[in-house]
Amino acid sequence: MPRRYMSQEEYNDQQYYYKHSLKSPQDLQEFLENKNNGASPEEIRRDEKMQLLKERLHLKVREKVEECLTDRQKKVINLYLLSKKQDYMGIILGITQEATHSRLHLAFKRLKKSCIKDPHILDILSQMRQVDE
């Protein structure tokens, strides 16, 4: 569970468990194997298939970024995908935060229009819907 969803007490308990219970690589491997014991094999397969589809989708969208955006838009999108804030992007690119926001908006609009027309992306999305059901 990510840190932001835990109380301080839960986080401390988890850290204590990791530090004191998992002393060897075998302990860690055993812990990871037991972590999935609550899920059925079908759920695990569905999660793995969904993860593969997400990776394929990410690669196709990356291809579309390279194919349909300008160099400046590519830079803004790549910084966004690295989780950089707009004011920081503006400093890197030498533009204001407002210009960064505008470029992001236009880049996403153009990327969305391009992705909607791509049959491979639509196929991946339909497969994801089928797996999710």
Protein backbone atom coordinates (compact mmCIF):
# COMPACT_ATOMS: atom_id res chain seq x y z
CA MET A 1 0.00 0.00 0.00
CA PRO A 2 1.45 3.41 -0.92
CA ARG A 3 2.53 5.65 1.93
CA ARG A 4 -0.10 8.31 1.24
CA TYR A 5 -2.92 5.86 2.07
CA MET A 6 -1.47 4.81 5.45
CA SER A 7 -1.63 6.32 8.86
CA GLN A 8 1.68 7.04 10.56
CA GLU A 9 1.16 4.03 12.85
CA GLU A 10 0.51 1.66 9.93
CA TYR A 11 3.57 2.99 8.12
CA ASN A 12 5.77 2.52 11.19
CA ASP A 13 4.48 -1.04 11.67
CA GLN A 14 5.19 -1.87 8.06
CA GLN A 15 8.71 -0.43 8.21
CA TYR A 16 9.38 -2.35 11.42
CA TYR A 17 8.20 -5.56 9.75
CA TYR A 18 10.42 -5.02 6.69
CA LYS A 19 13.51 -4.19 8.77
CA HIS A 20 13.19 -6.92 11.38
CA SER A 21 11.43 -9.80 9.62
CA LEU A 22 13.02 -9.84 6.19
CA LYS A 23 16.66 -10.48 6.92
CA SER A 24 17.64 -12.56 3.90
CA PRO A 25 16.75 -12.66 0.19
CA GLN A 26 14.90 -15.93 0.84
CA ASP A 27 12.71 -14.16 3.39
CA LEU A 28 11.91 -11.46 0.87
CA GLN A 29 11.06 -14.04 -1.83
CA GLU A 30 8.81 -15.90 0.60
CA PHE A 31 7.09 -12.65 1.58
CA LEU A 32 6.41 -11.77 -2.07
CA GLU A 33 5.05 -15.23 -2.83
CA ASN A 34 2.73 -15.15 0.20
CA LYS A 35 1.53 -11.67 -0.71
CA ASN A 36 -0.50 -13.11 -3.60
CA ASN A 37 -2.06 -15.89 -1.52
CA GLY A 38 -5.21 -13.84 -0.99
CA ALA A 39 -5.93 -13.64 -4.72
CA SER A 40 -7.24 -16.48 -6.84
CA PRO A 41 -5.13 -17.68 -9.78
CA GLU A 42 -7.73 -16.24 -12.14
CA GLU A 43 -7.39 -12.79 -10.55
CA ILE A 44 -3.61 -12.99 -10.75
CA ARG A 45 -3.75 -13.92 -14.46
CA ARG A 46 -6.23 -11.10 -15.12
CA ASP A 47 -3.95 -8.61 -13.34
CA GLU A 48 -0.92 -9.82 -15.29
CA LYS A 49 -2.79 -9.58 -18.59
CA MET A 50 -4.01 -6.08 -17.71
CA GLN A 51 -0.46 -5.04 -16.87
CA LEU A 52 0.80 -6.31 -20.24
CA LEU A 53 -1.97 -4.46 -22.06
CA LYS A 54 -1.11 -1.25 -20.18
CA GLU A 55 2.52 -1.60 -21.21
CA ARG A 56 1.53 -2.14 -24.85
CA LEU A 57 -0.78 0.89 -24.69
CA HIS A 58 1.99 3.01 -23.18
CA LEU A 59 4.37 2.02 -26.00
CA LYS A 60 1.80 2.83 -28.68
CA VAL A 61 1.04 6.22 -27.14
CA ARG A 62 4.79 6.92 -26.97
CA GLU A 63 5.01 6.11 -30.68
CA LYS A 64 2.15 8.53 -31.34
CA VAL A 65 3.95 11.22 -29.33
CA GLU A 66 7.00 10.86 -31.58
CA GLU A 67 4.87 10.71 -34.70
CA CYS A 68 2.38 13.56 -34.36
CA LEU A 69 3.79 16.23 -32.00
CA THR A 70 6.25 19.04 -32.57
CA ASP A 71 9.63 19.03 -30.83
CA ARG A 72 8.49 21.53 -28.19
CA GLN A 73 5.31 19.56 -27.50
CA LYS A 74 7.37 16.36 -27.19
CA LYS A 75 9.59 18.02 -24.59
CA VAL A 76 6.60 19.23 -22.59
CA ILE A 77 4.88 15.83 -22.71
CA ASN A 78 8.07 14.00 -21.71
CA LEU A 79 8.57 16.33 -18.75
CA TYR A 80 4.93 15.81 -17.79
CA LEU A 81 5.38 12.04 -17.92
CA LEU A 82 8.37 12.45 -15.59
CA SER A 83 5.92 14.08 -13.10
CA LYS A 84 7.48 17.52 -13.30
CA LYS A 85 5.38 20.50 -12.25
CA GLN A 86 4.43 23.14 -14.79
CA ASP A 87 6.50 25.90 -13.22
CA TYR A 88 9.55 23.63 -13.22
CA MET A 89 8.88 22.69 -16.87
CA GLY A 90 8.75 26.40 -17.67
CA ILE A 91 12.15 26.96 -16.07
CA ILE A 92 13.68 24.08 -18.03
CA LEU A 93 12.14 25.22 -21.33
CA GLY A 94 12.69 28.92 -20.69
CA ILE A 95 9.00 29.84 -20.87
CA THR A 96 6.35 30.90 -18.35
CA GLN A 97 4.07 28.50 -16.48
CA GLU A 98 1.10 29.79 -18.49
CA ALA A 99 2.86 29.01 -21.77
CA THR A 100 3.71 25.55 -20.44
CA HIS A 101 0.07 24.98 -19.52
CA SER A 102 -1.02 26.10 -22.98
CA ARG A 103 1.49 23.82 -24.71
CA LEU A 104 0.45 20.86 -22.57
CA HIS A 105 -3.20 21.47 -23.37
CA LEU A 106 -2.55 21.68 -27.11
CA ALA A 107 -0.24 18.66 -27.07
CA PHE A 108 -2.79 16.51 -25.23
CA LYS A 109 -5.55 17.65 -27.57
CA ARG A 110 -3.48 16.78 -30.63
CA LEU A 111 -2.33 13.48 -29.11
CA LYS A 112 -5.89 12.47 -28.20
CA LYS A 113 -7.11 13.22 -31.72
CA SER A 114 -4.32 11.10 -33.16
CA CYS A 115 -4.81 8.20 -30.71
CA ILE A 116 -8.56 7.98 -31.36
CA LYS A 117 -7.84 7.26 -35.02
CA ASP A 118 -5.21 4.57 -34.37
CA PRO A 119 -6.65 1.04 -34.78
CA HIS A 120 -3.92 -0.57 -32.63
CA ILE A 121 -4.70 1.68 -29.67
CA LEU A 122 -8.43 1.09 -30.07
CA ASP A 123 -7.81 -2.67 -30.17
CA ILE A 124 -5.74 -2.55 -26.97
CA LEU A 125 -8.46 -0.50 -25.24
CA SER A 126 -11.16 -2.97 -26.26
CA GLN A 127 -9.02 -5.86 -24.95
CA MET A 128 -8.61 -3.98 -21.66
CA ARG A 129 -12.40 -3.59 -21.40
CA GLN A 130 -12.87 -7.32 -22.00
CA VAL A 131 -10.31 -8.25 -19.33
CA ASP A 132 -11.90 -5.82 -16.88
CA GLU A 133 -15.35 -7.40 -17.23
